[in-house]
Amino acid sequence: QVQLVESGGGLVQPGGSLRLSCAASGSIVSINSMGWHRQAPGKQRELVAAMYNGGSRNYADSVKGRFTISRDNAKNTVYLQMNSLKPEDTAKYYCAARDRHTGTYNYWGQGTQITVSA
């Protein structure tokens, strides 16, 4: 099992920045990537950014150039730096870890709310 604990989030004005953190513990060797997903009211959950054990990253088109995912392996922590935030970024953000055996995001954090509003 893998446990994920998120921190960060909150209320920010348009154009502002926030950083989310996600600390992983437990069976870390069982995962091969970690990512951030988000879900806005009435919408499906979407993958925002993912980082693979080899260091490669991918981003949703809507956040490219504004969000950056990074990782501190010594702390088993993944970060999401979000700049130039827009009202449409408002959502609940979830950290997730992908199981190397199933290839699916089996482990999820509790989620943290981000609201972008003036």
Protein backbone atom coordinates (compact mmCIF):
# COMPACT_ATOMS: atom_id res chain seq x y z
CA GLN A 1 0.00 0.00 0.00
CA VAL A 2 1.00 3.58 -0.62
CA GLN A 3 -0.18 6.52 1.43
CA LEU A 4 -0.30 10.02 -0.03
CA VAL A 5 -0.65 13.20 1.99
CA GLU A 6 -1.20 16.48 0.19
CA SER A 7 -0.63 20.00 1.40
CA GLY A 8 -0.99 23.44 -0.09
CA GLY A 9 -3.97 24.83 -1.93
CA GLY A 10 -6.40 27.52 -0.94
CA LEU A 11 -7.74 30.74 -2.40
CA VAL A 12 -5.67 32.77 -4.87
CA GLN A 13 -6.35 35.67 -7.20
CA PRO A 14 -6.15 35.24 -10.97
CA GLY A 15 -2.57 35.48 -12.10
CA GLY A 16 -1.29 34.26 -8.76
CA SER A 17 0.76 31.20 -7.86
CA LEU A 18 0.46 28.24 -5.54
CA ARG A 19 2.48 25.14 -4.83
CA LEU A 20 1.06 21.77 -3.89
CA SER A 21 3.05 19.06 -2.15
CA CYS A 22 2.37 15.37 -1.91
CA ALA A 23 4.35 13.15 0.44
CA ALA A 24 4.33 9.43 -0.29
CA SER A 25 4.97 6.65 2.20
CA GLY A 26 4.59 2.91 2.33
CA SER A 27 5.44 0.63 -0.57
CA ILE A 28 7.11 3.27 -2.74
CA VAL A 29 8.84 0.65 -4.88
CA SER A 30 5.47 -0.45 -6.22
CA ILE A 31 4.84 2.81 -8.06
CA ASN A 32 6.37 4.03 -11.30
CA SER A 33 4.88 7.48 -11.60
CA MET A 34 3.05 10.12 -9.65
CA GLY A 35 0.64 12.66 -10.92
CA TRP A 36 -1.76 15.42 -10.09
CA HIS A 37 -5.36 15.20 -11.16
CA ARG A 38 -8.15 17.71 -10.67
CA GLN A 39 -11.91 17.66 -10.66
CA ALA A 40 -14.13 20.69 -10.99
CA PRO A 41 -17.82 20.58 -10.06
CA GLY A 42 -19.83 18.87 -12.76
CA LYS A 43 -16.74 17.77 -14.67
CA GLN A 44 -14.77 14.58 -14.96
CA ARG A 45 -11.50 14.17 -13.15
CA GLU A 46 -8.59 14.95 -15.44
CA LEU A 47 -4.86 14.35 -15.33
CA VAL A 48 -3.06 17.67 -14.97
CA ALA A 49 0.57 16.59 -14.76
CA ALA A 50 2.52 13.38 -14.29
CA MET A 51 6.12 12.54 -13.60
CA TYR A 52 7.64 9.13 -14.26
CA ASN A 53 10.44 7.43 -12.39
CA GLY A 54 12.77 8.01 -15.34
CA GLY A 55 12.20 11.75 -14.98
CA SER A 56 9.93 12.36 -17.96
CA ARG A 57 6.91 14.55 -17.50
CA ASN A 58 3.67 15.22 -19.28
CA TYR A 59 1.08 17.94 -18.88
CA ALA A 60 -2.47 18.64 -19.91
CA ASP A 61 -2.58 21.15 -22.74
CA SER A 62 -4.53 23.56 -20.56
CA VAL A 63 -1.66 23.92 -18.07
CA LYS A 64 1.44 23.68 -20.27
CA GLY A 65 3.79 26.57 -19.66
CA ARG A 66 2.06 27.46 -16.38
CA PHE A 67 2.36 24.36 -14.18
CA THR A 68 5.49 22.43 -13.33
CA ILE A 69 5.67 19.02 -11.67
CA SER A 70 8.82 18.08 -9.80
CA ARG A 71 10.00 15.53 -7.30
CA ASP A 72 12.33 15.29 -4.32
CA ASN A 73 13.31 11.62 -4.20
CA ALA A 74 15.00 11.97 -0.81
CA LYS A 75 11.71 13.11 0.68
CA ASN A 76 9.44 10.92 -1.50
CA THR A 77 7.57 14.10 -2.27
CA VAL A 78 6.16 15.41 -5.52
CA TYR A 79 5.30 19.04 -6.09
CA LEU A 80 3.06 20.97 -8.43
CA GLN A 81 4.07 24.57 -8.96
CA MET A 82 1.17 26.50 -10.45
CA ASN A 83 1.72 29.93 -11.94
CA SER A 84 -0.52 32.35 -13.82
CA LEU A 85 -3.56 30.72 -12.29
CA LYS A 86 -6.91 31.22 -13.99
CA PRO A 87 -10.47 30.92 -12.67
CA GLU A 88 -10.86 27.78 -14.79
CA ASP A 89 -8.12 26.15 -12.71
CA THR A 90 -10.53 26.10 -9.79
CA ALA A 91 -10.99 22.48 -8.76
CA LYS A 92 -10.14 19.91 -6.17
CA TYR A 93 -6.64 18.64 -6.84
CA TYR A 94 -5.61 15.09 -6.07
CA CYS A 95 -2.20 13.51 -5.87
CA ALA A 96 -2.08 9.99 -7.24
CA ALA A 97 0.48 7.23 -7.65
CA ARG A 98 0.48 4.70 -10.43
CA ASP A 99 1.10 1.06 -9.65
CA ARG A 100 3.89 -0.37 -11.80
CA HIS A 101 2.14 -3.73 -12.09
CA THR A 102 -1.35 -2.60 -13.05
CA GLY A 103 -0.42 0.61 -14.85
CA THR A 104 -3.29 2.39 -13.16
CA TYR A 105 -3.49 5.13 -10.56
CA ASN A 106 -4.38 2.95 -7.61
CA TYR A 107 -3.38 5.27 -4.79
CA TRP A 108 -4.94 8.64 -4.10
CA GLY A 109 -4.56 11.48 -1.67
CA GLN A 110 -7.49 13.10 0.06
CA GLY A 111 -7.55 16.08 -2.29
CA THR A 112 -7.04 19.77 -1.72
CA GLN A 113 -9.24 22.60 -2.96
CA ILE A 114 -7.89 25.39 -5.11
CA THR A 115 -10.09 28.36 -5.83
CA VAL A 116 -8.96 31.05 -8.24
CA SER A 117 -11.09 34.13 -7.80
CA ALA A 118 -10.82 37.87 -7.46
